[in-house]
Amino acid sequence: AALIPRKLDDGVCPLFFSLLVHDKQHAAKGLWGRGIESVEFWNEGDPQARHDGSAAGFLRKHVLEIPIHQNVSSRQLEYMAEQIPRLDICLRPEAEGLRSIA
């Protein structure tokens, strides 16, 4: 399955690539420790969206962003692609029994 399901229009460049991680704070520390910037969006928000089993609550706990914007070089992307699997921070939906939340 494609990570981005359609061709991007000319001039469009995503700011971040989202990772599903086991523990967002632990993953962010590990990435920063290897010189990889990460962003913890959505740590706070509507308290009603935090109940167990909600898609919003799950995403708040497990989505971490890494930069992929136009100022990130190919060399930096390759470094991130090498380091992220070594940290073993990402959830594997098929192995974790996660259902689609889309």
PDB file of N, CA and C in Angstrom:
ATOM      1  N   ALA A   1       0.844  -1.185   0.000  1.00  0.00           N
ATOM      2  CA  ALA A   1       0.000   0.000   0.000  1.00  0.00           C
ATOM      3  C   ALA A   1       0.883   1.241   0.000  1.00  0.00           C
ATOM      4  N   ALA A   2       0.473   2.236  -0.724  1.00  0.00           N
ATOM      5  CA  ALA A   2       1.218   3.486  -0.808  1.00  0.00           C
ATOM      6  C   ALA A   2       1.072   4.278   0.475  1.00  0.00           C
ATOM      7  N   LEU A   3       2.159   4.922   0.905  1.00  0.00           N
ATOM      8  CA  LEU A   3       2.094   5.765   2.094  1.00  0.00           C
ATOM      9  C   LEU A   3       1.332   7.050   1.806  1.00  0.00           C
ATOM     10  N   ILE A   4       1.520   7.582   0.629  1.00  0.00           N
ATOM     11  CA  ILE A   4       0.750   8.734   0.165  1.00  0.00           C
ATOM     12  C   ILE A   4       0.015   8.251  -1.071  1.00  0.00           C
ATOM     13  N   PRO A   5      -1.309   8.068  -0.995  1.00  0.00           N
ATOM     14  CA  PRO A   5      -2.040   7.339  -2.023  1.00  0.00           C
ATOM     15  C   PRO A   5      -2.237   8.053  -3.349  1.00  0.00           C
ATOM     16  N   ARG A   6      -1.724   9.236  -3.495  1.00  0.00           N
ATOM     17  CA  ARG A   6      -1.912   9.920  -4.773  1.00  0.00           C
ATOM     18  C   ARG A   6      -0.660  10.716  -5.108  1.00  0.00           C
ATOM     19  N   LYS A   7      -0.554  11.074  -6.366  1.00  0.00           N
ATOM     20  CA  LYS A   7       0.564  11.902  -6.803  1.00  0.00           C
ATOM     21  C   LYS A   7       0.353  13.309  -6.257  1.00  0.00           C
ATOM     22  N   LEU A   8       1.393  13.881  -5.715  1.00  0.00           N
ATOM     23  CA  LEU A   8       1.298  15.251  -5.227  1.00  0.00           C
ATOM     24  C   LEU A   8       1.416  16.220  -6.399  1.00  0.00           C
ATOM     25  N   ASP A   9       0.698  17.303  -6.318  1.00  0.00           N
ATOM     26  CA  ASP A   9       0.770  18.327  -7.347  1.00  0.00           C
ATOM     27  C   ASP A   9       2.160  18.975  -7.353  1.00  0.00           C
ATOM     28  N   ASP A  10       2.554  19.507  -8.501  1.00  0.00           N
ATOM     29  CA  ASP A  10       3.827  20.207  -8.598  1.00  0.00           C
ATOM     30  C   ASP A  10       3.888  21.306  -7.539  1.00  0.00           C
ATOM     31  N   GLY A  11       5.028  21.400  -6.881  1.00  0.00           N
ATOM     32  CA  GLY A  11       5.232  22.432  -5.877  1.00  0.00           C
ATOM     33  C   GLY A  11       4.738  22.066  -4.487  1.00  0.00           C
ATOM     34  N   VAL A  12       4.070  20.925  -4.348  1.00  0.00           N
ATOM     35  CA  VAL A  12       3.574  20.497  -3.041  1.00  0.00           C
ATOM     36  C   VAL A  12       4.645  19.658  -2.358  1.00  0.00           C
ATOM     37  N   CYS A  13       4.940  19.998  -1.114  1.00  0.00           N
ATOM     38  CA  CYS A  13       5.926  19.253  -0.339  1.00  0.00           C
ATOM     39  C   CYS A  13       5.409  19.147   1.089  1.00  0.00           C
ATOM     40  N   PRO A  14       5.136  17.935   1.576  1.00  0.00           N
ATOM     41  CA  PRO A  14       4.670  17.792   2.956  1.00  0.00           C
ATOM     42  C   PRO A  14       5.704  18.321   3.942  1.00  0.00           C
ATOM     43  N   LEU A  15       5.223  18.850   5.044  1.00  0.00           N
ATOM     44  CA  LEU A  15       6.102  19.365   6.087  1.00  0.00           C
ATOM     45  C   LEU A  15       6.657  18.228   6.948  1.00  0.00           C
ATOM     46  N   PHE A  16       5.790  17.279   7.295  1.00  0.00           N
ATOM     47  CA  PHE A  16       6.172  16.182   8.172  1.00  0.00           C
ATOM     48  C   PHE A  16       5.710  14.843   7.617  1.00  0.00           C
ATOM     49  N   PHE A  17       6.368  13.795   8.094  1.00  0.00           N
ATOM     50  CA  PHE A  17       5.929  12.430   7.857  1.00  0.00           C
ATOM     51  C   PHE A  17       5.552  11.870   9.221  1.00  0.00           C
ATOM     52  N   SER A  18       4.367  11.335   9.327  1.00  0.00           N
ATOM     53  CA  SER A  18       3.884  10.826  10.611  1.00  0.00           C
ATOM     54  C   SER A  18       4.297   9.379  10.813  1.00  0.00           C
ATOM     55  N   LEU A  19       4.770   9.092  12.016  1.00  0.00           N
ATOM     56  CA  LEU A  19       5.121   7.734  12.421  1.00  0.00           C
ATOM     57  C   LEU A  19       4.172   7.294  13.522  1.00  0.00           C
ATOM     58  N   LEU A  20       3.726   6.057  13.472  1.00  0.00           N
ATOM     59  CA  LEU A  20       2.995   5.465  14.600  1.00  0.00           C
ATOM     60  C   LEU A  20       4.032   4.789  15.480  1.00  0.00           C
ATOM     61  N   VAL A  21       4.158   5.243  16.711  1.00  0.00           N
ATOM     62  CA  VAL A  21       5.201   4.743  17.606  1.00  0.00           C
ATOM     63  C   VAL A  21       4.586   4.139  18.871  1.00  0.00           C
ATOM     64  N   HIS A  22       5.353   3.275  19.524  1.00  0.00           N
ATOM     65  CA  HIS A  22       4.902   2.641  20.765  1.00  0.00           C
ATOM     66  C   HIS A  22       4.676   3.691  21.854  1.00  0.00           C
ATOM     67  N   ASP A  23       5.659   4.541  22.066  1.00  0.00           N
ATOM     68  CA  ASP A  23       5.649   5.536  23.144  1.00  0.00           C
ATOM     69  C   ASP A  23       6.214   6.832  22.566  1.00  0.00           C
ATOM     70  N   LYS A  24       5.355   7.819  22.404  1.00  0.00           N
ATOM     71  CA  LYS A  24       5.744   9.041  21.696  1.00  0.00           C
ATOM     72  C   LYS A  24       6.908   9.767  22.367  1.00  0.00           C
ATOM     73  N   GLN A  25       6.864   9.933  23.687  1.00  0.00           N
ATOM     74  CA  GLN A  25       7.944  10.660  24.361  1.00  0.00           C
ATOM     75  C   GLN A  25       9.268   9.904  24.295  1.00  0.00           C
ATOM     76  N   HIS A  26       9.226   8.591  24.481  1.00  0.00           N
ATOM     77  CA  HIS A  26      10.431   7.762  24.389  1.00  0.00           C
ATOM     78  C   HIS A  26      11.010   7.815  22.968  1.00  0.00           C
ATOM     79  N   ALA A  27      10.138   7.713  21.977  1.00  0.00           N
ATOM     80  CA  ALA A  27      10.581   7.750  20.580  1.00  0.00           C
ATOM     81  C   ALA A  27      11.220   9.101  20.251  1.00  0.00           C
ATOM     82  N   ALA A  28      10.594  10.182  20.705  1.00  0.00           N
ATOM     83  CA  ALA A  28      11.136  11.525  20.441  1.00  0.00           C
ATOM     84  C   ALA A  28      12.527  11.669  21.055  1.00  0.00           C
ATOM     85  N   LYS A  29      12.700  11.192  22.279  1.00  0.00           N
ATOM     86  CA  LYS A  29      14.017  11.266  22.923  1.00  0.00           C
ATOM     87  C   LYS A  29      15.057  10.465  22.140  1.00  0.00           C
ATOM     88  N   GLY A  30      14.673   9.282  21.682  1.00  0.00           N
ATOM     89  CA  GLY A  30      15.593   8.460  20.910  1.00  0.00           C
ATOM     90  C   GLY A  30      15.995   9.120  19.602  1.00  0.00           C
ATOM     91  N   LEU A  31      15.029   9.713  18.921  1.00  0.00           N
ATOM     92  CA  LEU A  31      15.327  10.404  17.658  1.00  0.00           C
ATOM     93  C   LEU A  31      16.219  11.609  17.897  1.00  0.00           C
ATOM     94  N   TRP A  32      15.856  12.442  18.873  1.00  0.00           N
ATOM     95  CA  TRP A  32      16.677  13.618  19.168  1.00  0.00           C
ATOM     96  C   TRP A  32      18.094  13.200  19.548  1.00  0.00           C
ATOM     97  N   GLY A  33      18.229  12.076  20.246  1.00  0.00           N
ATOM     98  CA  GLY A  33      19.549  11.576  20.635  1.00  0.00           C
ATOM     99  C   GLY A  33      20.416  11.190  19.450  1.00  0.00           C
ATOM    100  N   ARG A  34      19.792  10.934  18.324  1.00  0.00           N
ATOM    101  CA  ARG A  34      20.531  10.612  17.096  1.00  0.00           C
ATOM    102  C   ARG A  34      20.548  11.783  16.122  1.00  0.00           C
ATOM    103  N   GLY A  35      20.144  12.955  16.618  1.00  0.00           N
ATOM    104  CA  GLY A  35      20.188  14.158  15.793  1.00  0.00           C
ATOM    105  C   GLY A  35      19.026  14.292  14.827  1.00  0.00           C
ATOM    106  N   ILE A  36      17.948  13.563  15.088  1.00  0.00           N
ATOM    107  CA  ILE A  36      16.773  13.611  14.207  1.00  0.00           C
ATOM    108  C   ILE A  36      15.683  14.406  14.904  1.00  0.00           C
ATOM    109  N   GLU A  37      15.313  15.514  14.303  1.00  0.00           N
ATOM    110  CA  GLU A  37      14.249  16.345  14.857  1.00  0.00           C
ATOM    111  C   GLU A  37      12.924  15.589  14.805  1.00  0.00           C
ATOM    112  N   SER A  38      12.136  15.724  15.841  1.00  0.00           N
ATOM    113  CA  SER A  38      10.792  15.145  15.835  1.00  0.00           C
ATOM    114  C   SER A  38       9.846  16.128  16.509  1.00  0.00           C
ATOM    115  N   VAL A  39       8.579  16.011  16.180  1.00  0.00           N
ATOM    116  CA  VAL A  39       7.576  16.932  16.700  1.00  0.00           C
ATOM    117  C   VAL A  39       6.450  16.122  17.330  1.00  0.00           C
ATOM    118  N   GLU A  40       6.118  16.468  18.564  1.00  0.00           N
ATOM    119  CA  GLU A  40       5.033  15.810  19.285  1.00  0.00           C
ATOM    120  C   GLU A  40       3.784  16.690  19.227  1.00  0.00           C
ATOM    121  N   PHE A  41       3.086  16.629  18.111  1.00  0.00           N
ATOM    122  CA  PHE A  41       1.826  17.351  18.013  1.00  0.00           C
ATOM    123  C   PHE A  41       0.758  16.632  18.824  1.00  0.00           C
ATOM    124  N   TRP A  42      -0.263  17.353  19.162  1.00  0.00           N
ATOM    125  CA  TRP A  42      -1.498  16.802  19.737  1.00  0.00           C
ATOM    126  C   TRP A  42      -1.315  16.126  21.082  1.00  0.00           C
ATOM    127  N   ASN A  43      -0.359  16.563  21.894  1.00  0.00           N
ATOM    128  CA  ASN A  43      -0.234  15.985  23.230  1.00  0.00           C
ATOM    129  C   ASN A  43      -1.395  16.407  24.128  1.00  0.00           C
ATOM    130  N   GLU A  44      -1.949  17.544  23.872  1.00  0.00           N
ATOM    131  CA  GLU A  44      -3.075  18.069  24.645  1.00  0.00           C
ATOM    132  C   GLU A  44      -4.258  18.254  23.716  1.00  0.00           C
ATOM    133  N   GLY A  45      -5.409  18.472  24.290  1.00  0.00           N
ATOM    134  CA  GLY A  45      -6.582  18.706  23.458  1.00  0.00           C
ATOM    135  C   GLY A  45      -7.862  18.502  24.229  1.00  0.00           C
ATOM    136  N   ASP A  46      -8.916  18.314  23.518  1.00  0.00           N
ATOM    137  CA  ASP A  46     -10.247  18.148  24.081  1.00  0.00           C
ATOM    138  C   ASP A  46     -10.271  16.936  25.022  1.00  0.00           C
ATOM    139  N   PRO A  47     -10.541  17.158  26.304  1.00  0.00           N
ATOM    140  CA  PRO A  47     -10.557  16.041  27.259  1.00  0.00           C
ATOM    141  C   PRO A  47     -11.555  14.949  26.882  1.00  0.00           C
ATOM    142  N   GLN A  48     -12.633  15.286  26.190  1.00  0.00           N
ATOM    143  CA  GLN A  48     -13.624  14.294  25.801  1.00  0.00           C
ATOM    144  C   GLN A  48     -13.078  13.328  24.743  1.00  0.00           C
ATOM    145  N   ALA A  49     -11.996  13.730  24.063  1.00  0.00           N
ATOM    146  CA  ALA A  49     -11.413  12.876  23.022  1.00  0.00           C
ATOM    147  C   ALA A  49     -10.382  11.917  23.594  1.00  0.00           C
ATOM    148  N   ARG A  50     -10.187  11.916  24.897  1.00  0.00           N
ATOM    149  CA  ARG A  50      -9.145  11.097  25.514  1.00  0.00           C
ATOM    150  C   ARG A  50      -9.638   9.751  26.036  1.00  0.00           C
ATOM    151  N   HIS A  51     -10.897   9.470  25.936  1.00  0.00           N
ATOM    152  CA  HIS A  51     -11.387   8.218  26.514  1.00  0.00           C
ATOM    153  C   HIS A  51     -10.781   7.002  25.807  1.00  0.00           C
ATOM    154  N   ASP A  52     -10.614   5.947  26.585  1.00  0.00           N
ATOM    155  CA  ASP A  52     -10.024   4.715  26.049  1.00  0.00           C
ATOM    156  C   ASP A  52     -10.810   4.229  24.846  1.00  0.00           C
ATOM    157  N   GLY A  53     -10.090   3.809  23.835  1.00  0.00           N
ATOM    158  CA  GLY A  53     -10.715   3.257  22.645  1.00  0.00           C
ATOM    159  C   GLY A  53     -11.021   4.271  21.561  1.00  0.00           C
ATOM    160  N   SER A  54     -10.860   5.556  21.853  1.00  0.00           N
ATOM    161  CA  SER A  54     -11.147   6.540  20.805  1.00  0.00           C
ATOM    162  C   SER A  54      -9.966   6.662  19.858  1.00  0.00           C
ATOM    163  N   ALA A  55     -10.262   6.896  18.605  1.00  0.00           N
ATOM    164  CA  ALA A  55      -9.201   7.082  17.604  1.00  0.00           C
ATOM    165  C   ALA A  55      -8.356   8.298  17.957  1.00  0.00           C
ATOM    166  N   ALA A  56      -9.004   9.380  18.391  1.00  0.00           N
ATOM    167  CA  ALA A  56      -8.257  10.597  18.743  1.00  0.00           C
ATOM    168  C   ALA A  56      -7.309  10.338  19.903  1.00  0.00           C
ATOM    169  N   GLY A  57      -7.777   9.610  20.910  1.00  0.00           N
ATOM    170  CA  GLY A  57      -6.920   9.297  22.052  1.00  0.00           C
ATOM    171  C   GLY A  57      -5.723   8.452  21.648  1.00  0.00           C
ATOM    172  N   PHE A  58      -5.958   7.472  20.784  1.00  0.00           N
ATOM    173  CA  PHE A  58      -4.871   6.630  20.297  1.00  0.00           C
ATOM    174  C   PHE A  58      -3.839   7.458  19.536  1.00  0.00           C
ATOM    175  N   LEU A  59      -4.301   8.309  18.634  1.00  0.00           N
ATOM    176  CA  LEU A  59      -3.384   9.116  17.830  1.00  0.00           C
ATOM    177  C   LEU A  59      -2.591  10.085  18.695  1.00  0.00           C
ATOM    178  N   ARG A  60      -3.219  10.677  19.701  1.00  0.00           N
ATOM    179  CA  ARG A  60      -2.494  11.585  20.606  1.00  0.00           C
ATOM    180  C   ARG A  60      -1.325  10.879  21.282  1.00  0.00           C
ATOM    181  N   LYS A  61      -1.487   9.614  21.602  1.00  0.00           N
ATOM    182  CA  LYS A  61      -0.446   8.853  22.294  1.00  0.00           C
ATOM    183  C   LYS A  61       0.637   8.310  21.372  1.00  0.00           C
ATOM    184  N   HIS A  62       0.300   8.104  20.080  1.00  0.00           N
ATOM    185  CA  HIS A  62       1.188   7.298  19.240  1.00  0.00           C
ATOM    186  C   HIS A  62       1.677   7.943  17.941  1.00  0.00           C
ATOM    187  N   VAL A  63       1.235   9.151  17.608  1.00  0.00           N
ATOM    188  CA  VAL A  63       1.695   9.774  16.354  1.00  0.00           C
ATOM    189  C   VAL A  63       2.814  10.763  16.651  1.00  0.00           C
ATOM    190  N   LEU A  64       3.929  10.560  15.968  1.00  0.00           N
ATOM    191  CA  LEU A  64       5.101  11.430  16.072  1.00  0.00           C
ATOM    192  C   LEU A  64       5.498  11.829  14.663  1.00  0.00           C
ATOM    193  N   GLU A  65       5.857  13.091  14.474  1.00  0.00           N
ATOM    194  CA  GLU A  65       6.214  13.577  13.137  1.00  0.00           C
ATOM    195  C   GLU A  65       7.711  13.800  13.009  1.00  0.00           C
ATOM    196  N   ILE A  66       8.206  13.455  11.821  1.00  0.00           N
ATOM    197  CA  ILE A  66       9.589  13.776  11.472  1.00  0.00           C
ATOM    198  C   ILE A  66       9.549  14.671  10.234  1.00  0.00           C
ATOM    199  N   PRO A  67      10.513  15.571  10.089  1.00  0.00           N
ATOM    200  CA  PRO A  67      10.481  16.522   8.968  1.00  0.00           C
ATOM    201  C   PRO A  67      10.819  15.867   7.634  1.00  0.00           C
ATOM    202  N   ILE A  68      10.075  16.251   6.605  1.00  0.00           N
ATOM    203  CA  ILE A  68      10.394  15.813   5.236  1.00  0.00           C
ATOM    204  C   ILE A  68      10.234  16.969   4.241  1.00  0.00           C
ATOM    205  N   HIS A  69      10.245  18.177   4.748  1.00  0.00           N
ATOM    206  CA  HIS A  69      10.028  19.361   3.914  1.00  0.00           C
ATOM    207  C   HIS A  69      11.189  19.593   2.945  1.00  0.00           C
ATOM    208  N   GLN A  70      11.053  20.605   2.135  1.00  0.00           N
ATOM    209  CA  GLN A  70      12.002  20.866   1.045  1.00  0.00           C
ATOM    210  C   GLN A  70      13.423  21.186   1.512  1.00  0.00           C
ATOM    211  N   ASN A  71      13.615  21.544   2.786  1.00  0.00           N
ATOM    212  CA  ASN A  71      14.959  21.853   3.274  1.00  0.00           C
ATOM    213  C   ASN A  71      15.669  20.630   3.854  1.00  0.00           C
ATOM    214  N   VAL A  72      15.003  19.491   3.862  1.00  0.00           N
ATOM    215  CA  VAL A  72      15.632  18.253   4.314  1.00  0.00           C
ATOM    216  C   VAL A  72      16.317  17.620   3.099  1.00  0.00           C
ATOM    217  N   SER A  73      17.607  17.379   3.226  1.00  0.00           N
ATOM    218  CA  SER A  73      18.372  16.850   2.097  1.00  0.00           C
ATOM    219  C   SER A  73      18.151  15.345   1.929  1.00  0.00           C
ATOM    220  N   SER A  74      18.503  14.835   0.768  1.00  0.00           N
ATOM    221  CA  SER A  74      18.428  13.389   0.514  1.00  0.00           C
ATOM    222  C   SER A  74      19.297  12.627   1.506  1.00  0.00           C
ATOM    223  N   ARG A  75      20.448  13.184   1.820  1.00  0.00           N
ATOM    224  CA  ARG A  75      21.351  12.549   2.787  1.00  0.00           C
ATOM    225  C   ARG A  75      20.698  12.464   4.170  1.00  0.00           C
ATOM    226  N   GLN A  76      20.009  13.530   4.573  1.00  0.00           N
ATOM    227  CA  GLN A  76      19.315  13.519   5.860  1.00  0.00           C
ATOM    228  C   GLN A  76      18.174  12.502   5.864  1.00  0.00           C
ATOM    229  N   LEU A  77      17.431  12.431   4.754  1.00  0.00           N
ATOM    230  CA  LEU A  77      16.350  11.453   4.653  1.00  0.00           C
ATOM    231  C   LEU A  77      16.891  10.028   4.742  1.00  0.00           C
ATOM    232  N   GLU A  78      17.998   9.769   4.069  1.00  0.00           N
ATOM    233  CA  GLU A  78      18.609   8.444   4.116  1.00  0.00           C
ATOM    234  C   GLU A  78      19.056   8.103   5.537  1.00  0.00           C
ATOM    235  N   TYR A  79      19.616   9.084   6.235  1.00  0.00           N
ATOM    236  CA  TYR A  79      20.044   8.871   7.618  1.00  0.00           C
ATOM    237  C   TYR A  79      18.834   8.519   8.489  1.00  0.00           C
ATOM    238  N   MET A  80      17.744   9.268   8.341  1.00  0.00           N
ATOM    239  CA  MET A  80      16.534   8.978   9.117  1.00  0.00           C
ATOM    240  C   MET A  80      16.020   7.576   8.795  1.00  0.00           C
ATOM    241  N   ALA A  81      16.016   7.225   7.504  1.00  0.00           N
ATOM    242  CA  ALA A  81      15.525   5.916   7.085  1.00  0.00           C
ATOM    243  C   ALA A  81      16.380   4.778   7.650  1.00  0.00           C
ATOM    244  N   GLU A  82      17.655   5.037   7.891  1.00  0.00           N
ATOM    245  CA  GLU A  82      18.538   4.039   8.498  1.00  0.00           C
ATOM    246  C   GLU A  82      18.337   3.951  10.009  1.00  0.00           C
ATOM    247  N   GLN A  83      18.185   5.093  10.654  1.00  0.00           N
ATOM    248  CA  GLN A  83      18.156   5.143  12.111  1.00  0.00           C
ATOM    249  C   GLN A  83      16.822   4.735  12.722  1.00  0.00           C
ATOM    250  N   ILE A  84      15.726   5.087  12.099  1.00  0.00           N
ATOM    251  CA  ILE A  84      14.413   4.815  12.700  1.00  0.00           C
ATOM    252  C   ILE A  84      14.190   3.317  12.931  1.00  0.00           C
ATOM    253  N   PRO A  85      14.472   2.443  11.967  1.00  0.00           N
ATOM    254  CA  PRO A  85      14.296   1.004  12.257  1.00  0.00           C
ATOM    255  C   PRO A  85      15.227   0.498  13.364  1.00  0.00           C
ATOM    256  N   ARG A  86      16.412   1.064  13.465  1.00  0.00           N
ATOM    257  CA  ARG A  86      17.356   0.652  14.504  1.00  0.00           C
ATOM    258  C   ARG A  86      16.847   0.976  15.904  1.00  0.00           C
ATOM    259  N   LEU A  87      16.067   2.038  16.017  1.00  0.00           N
ATOM    260  CA  LEU A  87      15.516   2.418  17.317  1.00  0.00           C
ATOM    261  C   LEU A  87      14.345   1.532  17.732  1.00  0.00           C
ATOM    262  N   ASP A  88      13.749   0.831  16.788  1.00  0.00           N
ATOM    263  CA  ASP A  88      12.604  -0.054  17.047  1.00  0.00           C
ATOM    264  C   ASP A  88      11.504   0.669  17.820  1.00  0.00           C
ATOM    265  N   ILE A  89      11.114   1.831  17.312  1.00  0.00           N
ATOM    266  CA  ILE A  89      10.104   2.662  17.983  1.00  0.00           C
ATOM    267  C   ILE A  89       8.731   2.586  17.329  1.00  0.00           C
ATOM    268  N   CYS A  90       8.664   2.077  16.111  1.00  0.00           N
ATOM    269  CA  CYS A  90       7.411   2.135  15.347  1.00  0.00           C
ATOM    270  C   CYS A  90       6.502   0.956  15.636  1.00  0.00           C
ATOM    271  N   LEU A  91       5.218   1.256  15.708  1.00  0.00           N
ATOM    272  CA  LEU A  91       4.201   0.216  15.784  1.00  0.00           C
ATOM    273  C   LEU A  91       4.107  -0.450  14.422  1.00  0.00           C
ATOM    274  N   ARG A  92       3.839  -1.704  14.414  1.00  0.00           N
ATOM    275  CA  ARG A  92       3.578  -2.444  13.183  1.00  0.00           C
ATOM    276  C   ARG A  92       2.118  -2.838  13.238  1.00  0.00           C
ATOM    277  N   PRO A  93       1.254  -2.112  12.524  1.00  0.00           N
ATOM    278  CA  PRO A  93      -0.194  -2.345  12.652  1.00  0.00           C
ATOM    279  C   PRO A  93      -0.606  -3.798  12.535  1.00  0.00           C
ATOM    280  N   GLU A  94      -0.029  -4.527  11.598  1.00  0.00           N
ATOM    281  CA  GLU A  94      -0.420  -5.929  11.430  1.00  0.00           C
ATOM    282  C   GLU A  94       0.005  -6.769  12.619  1.00  0.00           C
ATOM    283  N   ALA A  95       1.142  -6.465  13.217  1.00  0.00           N
ATOM    284  CA  ALA A  95       1.628  -7.214  14.363  1.00  0.00           C
ATOM    285  C   ALA A  95       0.948  -6.783  15.658  1.00  0.00           C
ATOM    286  N   GLU A  96       0.518  -5.546  15.725  1.00  0.00           N
ATOM    287  CA  GLU A  96      -0.097  -5.012  16.930  1.00  0.00           C
ATOM    288  C   GLU A  96      -1.603  -5.226  16.971  1.00  0.00           C
ATOM    289  N   GLY A  97      -2.159  -5.771  15.891  1.00  0.00           N
ATOM    290  CA  GLY A  97      -3.595  -6.001  15.843  1.00  0.00           C
ATOM    291  C   GLY A  97      -4.410  -4.720  15.759  1.00  0.00           C
ATOM    292  N   LEU A  98      -3.830  -3.690  15.188  1.00  0.00           N
ATOM    293  CA  LEU A  98      -4.536  -2.407  15.070  1.00  0.00           C
ATOM    294  C   LEU A  98      -5.527  -2.448  13.936  1.00  0.00           C
ATOM    295  N   ARG A  99      -6.653  -1.881  14.166  1.00  0.00           N
ATOM    296  CA  ARG A  99      -7.650  -1.779  13.109  1.00  0.00           C
ATOM    297  C   ARG A  99      -7.534  -0.409  12.461  1.00  0.00           C
ATOM    298  N   SER A 100      -8.062  -0.289  11.289  1.00  0.00           N
ATOM    299  CA  SER A 100      -8.047   0.989  10.597  1.00  0.00           C
ATOM    300  C   SER A 100      -8.905   1.996  11.355  1.00  0.00           C
ATOM    301  N   ILE A 101      -8.406   3.216  11.463  1.00  0.00           N
ATOM    302  CA  ILE A 101      -9.183   4.263  12.116  1.00  0.00           C
ATOM    303  C   ILE A 101      -9.659   5.291  11.099  1.00  0.00           C
ATOM    304  N   ALA A 102      -9.383   5.016   9.832  1.00  0.00           N
ATOM    305  CA  ALA A 102      -9.781   5.944   8.789  1.00  0.00           C
ATOM    306  C   ALA A 102     -11.255   5.803   8.469  1.00  0.00           C
TER     307      ALA A 102
END
